[in-house]
Amino acid sequence: MLKPSISPSLMCADIFSLREIIRDFEKNSIEYLHIDVMDGEFVPNFCLGTDYCRRMKAQTDIPLDIHLMVINPLNKIEAFGFGAGDIVSVHYESQAKDEILPCLKKIRAGGAKAFLAINPDKPVEVLREYFDEIDGVLLMTVFPGFAGQKMVEGSLERITALRKMLDESGHADISIEVDGNVNYEKAPLMRKAGADIFVVGTSSILGPGGLTENIQKMRNLLG
C-alpha cells in the first residue's frame, strides 16, 4: 500500500488567515494543497479559479492538488499554471468520452500527475481502460459541489473494489485519493480499504482545535 498523504481543502480554510495556515502546513510537511475549481455548470456552485492557483504556486512549494469540476476541461487545463509534482484531476463525467485520453495526456505533458475523478454513482469499472494513462483516481465519497456532506453509502466498498482492481491488473502504483467527509472516524476506514491520499477539511484538521495537533492526530490515525 502506498504511503498516506494529506491534502487539505483550501475552500474550507479561513481566507483571512490563509497565509498563516499555509505556513503551518509547510511546518507540518503537508503533502498537497487541494484546490476545488467549480464552474457553476458541472456542479451547482462556483469556487476558486485560475488566478487563485497561480498565486498559490507563487506563495508555497507545497504541490497543488487541483480538482477541476468543470465542463469540457480539455481546452481549459493549461490556464491553471500547474507543473511538476502537482496533481490535476478531471472528471470522467465532465467531458465527451473521446476527450478523456487527450485531457490526461495534456496534464502529463505539462509535468503534473494526471488523476481521473469519478462520482459516487459511477461504477469504478469504467476506469479500467485508462489505467495506463493515469497516476491516480480521485474517488468522490460525496457528490461534488459543496462541503460538509455525509459520505455516500457504499463508498468504502468502492475503495476496496478499486484497490483490488488496480492491484490485480498490475497497477499497484496508482493512487486512490478520497474526497468527502474524510473525518477522524472515516479516514482510518478509508485507509484500510486502500486509499492513500486524503482530502480533509472542517470535519478534521481544519475544524476545532490547533492545526498542528489536528494534523498529527490525522497522521497517527492513517498510520
Protein backbone atom coordinates (compact mmCIF):
# COMPACT_ATOMS: atom_id res chain seq x y z
CA MET A 1 0.00 0.00 0.00
CA LEU A 2 1.25 3.49 -0.85
CA LYS A 3 2.29 5.89 1.90
CA PRO A 4 -0.62 8.06 3.13
CA SER A 5 -0.68 11.75 2.20
CA ILE A 6 -2.84 14.63 3.43
CA SER A 7 -4.36 17.19 1.05
CA PRO A 8 -6.23 19.95 2.94
CA SER A 9 -9.13 21.52 1.07
CA LEU A 10 -8.43 25.23 0.76
CA MET A 11 -12.10 26.02 0.15
CA CYS A 12 -12.56 25.07 3.80
CA ALA A 13 -9.75 27.29 5.08
CA ASP A 14 -10.37 30.74 6.59
CA ILE A 15 -9.48 33.11 3.75
CA PHE A 16 -8.47 35.84 6.22
CA SER A 17 -5.90 33.52 7.86
CA LEU A 18 -4.75 31.74 4.73
CA ARG A 19 -1.14 32.96 4.75
CA GLU A 20 -0.64 31.75 8.33
CA ILE A 21 -2.40 28.46 7.56
CA ILE A 22 -0.11 27.79 4.60
CA ARG A 23 2.96 28.45 6.75
CA ASP A 24 1.63 25.93 9.31
CA PHE A 25 1.07 23.41 6.53
CA GLU A 26 4.69 23.87 5.46
CA LYS A 27 5.97 23.37 9.01
CA ASN A 28 3.94 20.16 9.26
CA SER A 29 5.12 18.80 5.88
CA ILE A 30 1.65 18.69 4.33
CA GLU A 31 1.96 16.82 1.03
CA TYR A 32 -0.62 18.64 -1.16
CA LEU A 33 -2.98 21.61 -1.19
CA HIS A 34 -6.38 20.65 -2.57
CA ILE A 35 -7.93 23.37 -4.72
CA ASP A 36 -11.56 22.89 -5.79
CA VAL A 37 -12.37 24.60 -9.08
CA MET A 38 -16.10 24.82 -9.84
CA ASP A 39 -17.68 26.41 -12.90
CA GLY A 40 -21.35 26.51 -11.88
CA GLU A 41 -22.20 24.09 -14.71
CA PHE A 42 -20.70 20.72 -13.89
CA VAL A 43 -21.63 21.38 -10.25
CA PRO A 44 -24.17 23.92 -8.95
CA ASN A 45 -21.58 26.10 -7.27
CA PHE A 46 -18.68 28.44 -8.08
CA CYS A 47 -15.32 28.18 -6.35
CA LEU A 48 -11.72 29.31 -6.88
CA GLY A 49 -10.08 29.61 -10.30
CA THR A 50 -7.01 30.09 -12.46
CA ASP A 51 -5.61 33.17 -10.71
CA TYR A 52 -6.02 31.52 -7.29
CA CYS A 53 -3.96 28.52 -8.44
CA ARG A 54 -1.21 30.65 -9.93
CA ARG A 55 -0.97 32.86 -6.85
CA MET A 56 -0.84 29.81 -4.58
CA LYS A 57 2.05 28.35 -6.57
CA ALA A 58 3.90 31.62 -6.09
CA GLN A 59 3.36 31.50 -2.32
CA THR A 60 4.44 27.95 -1.42
CA ASP A 61 6.42 24.96 -2.60
CA ILE A 62 3.71 22.55 -1.47
CA PRO A 63 2.41 20.82 -4.61
CA LEU A 64 -1.10 21.74 -5.69
CA ASP A 65 -3.88 19.18 -5.96
CA ILE A 66 -6.20 20.84 -8.49
CA HIS A 67 -9.67 19.29 -8.71
CA LEU A 68 -11.36 20.51 -11.88
CA MET A 69 -15.13 20.33 -11.54
CA VAL A 70 -15.70 21.97 -14.90
CA ILE A 71 -17.42 21.10 -18.15
CA ASN A 72 -15.09 20.24 -21.06
CA PRO A 73 -11.74 20.67 -19.29
CA LEU A 74 -9.58 19.78 -22.30
CA ASN A 75 -9.23 23.37 -23.52
CA LYS A 76 -9.07 24.89 -20.03
CA ILE A 77 -6.47 22.95 -18.07
CA GLU A 78 -3.40 24.83 -19.32
CA ALA A 79 -4.74 28.08 -17.83
CA PHE A 80 -4.08 26.85 -14.29
CA GLY A 81 -0.29 27.03 -14.49
CA PHE A 82 0.34 23.63 -12.92
CA GLY A 83 3.75 21.97 -13.04
CA ALA A 84 5.97 19.16 -11.82
CA GLY A 85 4.75 17.47 -8.66
CA ASP A 86 1.23 18.88 -8.87
CA ILE A 87 -1.90 16.76 -9.27
CA VAL A 88 -4.62 17.70 -11.74
CA SER A 89 -7.90 15.77 -11.59
CA VAL A 90 -10.54 15.87 -14.32
CA HIS A 91 -13.91 14.19 -14.05
CA TYR A 92 -14.88 11.18 -16.11
CA GLU A 93 -18.39 12.63 -16.26
CA SER A 94 -17.46 16.17 -17.32
CA GLN A 95 -16.45 15.61 -20.94
CA ALA A 96 -17.06 13.55 -24.05
CA LYS A 97 -15.51 10.10 -23.76
CA ASP A 98 -13.18 10.71 -26.70
CA GLU A 99 -11.71 13.76 -24.92
CA ILE A 100 -10.71 11.97 -21.71
CA LEU A 101 -7.50 10.46 -23.03
CA PRO A 102 -6.25 13.68 -24.71
CA CYS A 103 -7.02 15.53 -21.48
CA LEU A 104 -4.96 13.10 -19.39
CA LYS A 105 -2.09 13.26 -21.87
CA LYS A 106 -2.13 17.07 -21.79
CA ILE A 107 -1.88 17.06 -17.98
CA ARG A 108 1.09 14.70 -18.07
CA ALA A 109 2.74 16.74 -20.85
CA GLY A 110 2.55 19.75 -18.52
CA GLY A 111 4.53 17.87 -15.88
CA ALA A 112 1.70 17.12 -13.45
CA LYS A 113 0.23 13.84 -12.27
CA ALA A 114 -2.98 13.01 -14.15
CA PHE A 115 -5.86 11.84 -11.97
CA LEU A 116 -9.30 10.78 -13.19
CA ALA A 117 -12.11 11.75 -10.82
CA ILE A 118 -15.32 9.77 -10.55
CA ASN A 119 -18.63 10.46 -8.81
CA PRO A 120 -20.28 8.07 -6.31
CA ASP A 121 -22.92 6.88 -8.80
CA LYS A 122 -20.45 5.82 -11.50
CA PRO A 123 -19.12 2.22 -11.45
CA VAL A 124 -15.37 2.05 -10.88
CA GLU A 125 -15.11 -0.48 -13.70
CA VAL A 126 -15.28 2.38 -16.27
CA LEU A 127 -11.81 3.47 -15.14
CA ARG A 128 -10.08 0.27 -16.21
CA GLU A 129 -9.32 1.35 -19.78
CA TYR A 130 -7.41 4.42 -18.50
CA PHE A 131 -5.08 2.68 -16.04
CA ASP A 132 -2.07 3.04 -18.34
CA GLU A 133 -2.66 6.79 -18.67
CA ILE A 134 -3.32 7.87 -15.08
CA ASP A 135 -1.29 8.36 -11.93
CA GLY A 136 -4.29 8.23 -9.65
CA VAL A 137 -8.04 8.15 -9.17
CA LEU A 138 -9.94 10.81 -7.23
CA LEU A 139 -12.78 8.76 -5.80
CA MET A 140 -15.57 11.04 -4.64
CA THR A 141 -17.28 9.81 -1.49
CA VAL A 142 -19.86 12.62 -1.73
CA PHE A 143 -21.40 14.28 -4.77
CA PRO A 144 -19.15 17.23 -5.69
CA GLY A 145 -20.09 20.86 -5.26
CA PHE A 146 -20.48 21.60 -1.56
CA ALA A 147 -18.50 20.98 1.64
CA GLY A 148 -19.99 19.42 4.76
CA GLN A 149 -21.82 16.48 3.20
CA LYS A 150 -22.10 12.98 4.67
CA MET A 151 -20.31 10.09 3.00
CA VAL A 152 -22.41 8.29 0.40
CA GLU A 153 -23.34 4.76 1.44
CA GLY A 154 -21.18 2.11 -0.20
CA SER A 155 -18.12 4.37 -0.56
CA LEU A 156 -15.82 2.11 1.47
CA GLU A 157 -16.77 -0.86 -0.68
CA ARG A 158 -15.97 1.17 -3.81
CA ILE A 159 -12.50 2.00 -2.47
CA THR A 160 -11.89 -1.69 -1.75
CA ALA A 161 -13.11 -2.74 -5.19
CA LEU A 162 -10.97 -0.16 -6.96
CA ARG A 163 -7.84 -1.05 -4.96
CA LYS A 164 -8.35 -4.73 -5.77
CA MET A 165 -8.84 -3.94 -9.46
CA LEU A 166 -5.68 -1.82 -9.58
CA ASP A 167 -3.52 -4.34 -7.74
CA GLU A 168 -4.71 -7.33 -9.73
CA SER A 169 -4.15 -5.55 -13.05
CA GLY A 170 -0.54 -4.67 -12.24
CA HIS A 171 -1.23 -1.03 -11.33
CA ALA A 172 -0.49 -1.07 -7.61
CA ASP A 173 1.42 2.21 -8.03
CA ILE A 174 -1.76 4.13 -8.93
CA SER A 175 -3.00 6.28 -6.05
CA ILE A 176 -6.53 6.37 -4.71
CA GLU A 177 -7.48 9.82 -3.44
CA VAL A 178 -10.67 10.18 -1.42
CA ASP A 179 -12.71 13.36 -1.12
CA GLY A 180 -15.82 13.85 1.01
CA ASN A 181 -16.48 13.57 4.75
CA VAL A 182 -12.88 12.46 5.45
CA ASN A 183 -13.09 12.86 9.22
CA TYR A 184 -11.21 11.21 12.09
CA GLU A 185 -13.68 8.32 12.13
CA LYS A 186 -13.92 7.66 8.39
CA ALA A 187 -10.30 8.28 7.36
CA PRO A 188 -8.85 5.14 9.02
CA LEU A 189 -11.58 3.04 7.40
CA MET A 190 -10.80 4.57 4.01
CA ARG A 191 -7.10 3.85 4.60
CA LYS A 192 -7.84 0.23 5.46
CA ALA A 193 -9.95 -0.05 2.30
CA GLY A 194 -6.97 1.07 0.17
CA ALA A 195 -6.95 4.89 -0.09
CA ASP A 196 -3.65 6.76 0.19
CA ILE A 197 -4.40 10.49 -0.41
CA PHE A 198 -6.95 12.12 1.89
CA VAL A 199 -8.73 15.42 1.16
CA VAL A 200 -9.51 16.88 4.56
CA GLY A 201 -11.46 19.93 5.69
CA THR A 202 -13.58 21.24 8.53
CA SER A 203 -14.58 17.76 9.71
CA SER A 204 -10.97 17.09 10.72
CA ILE A 205 -7.77 19.18 10.58
CA LEU A 206 -9.43 22.48 9.62
CA GLY A 207 -12.05 22.09 12.33
CA PRO A 208 -11.87 22.90 16.05
CA GLY A 209 -8.51 22.61 17.80
CA GLY A 210 -4.94 23.51 16.97
CA LEU A 211 -3.86 22.93 13.39
CA THR A 212 -0.59 21.17 14.26
CA GLU A 213 -2.32 18.95 16.79
CA ASN A 214 -5.09 18.10 14.32
CA ILE A 215 -2.60 17.20 11.59
CA GLN A 216 -0.67 14.93 13.94
CA LYS A 217 -3.89 13.27 15.04
CA MET A 218 -4.79 12.52 11.43
CA ARG A 219 -1.32 11.20 10.65
CA ASN A 220 -1.47 8.88 13.67
CA LEU A 221 -4.84 7.54 12.52
CA LEU A 222 -3.64 6.94 8.96
CA GLY A 223 -0.53 5.06 10.14
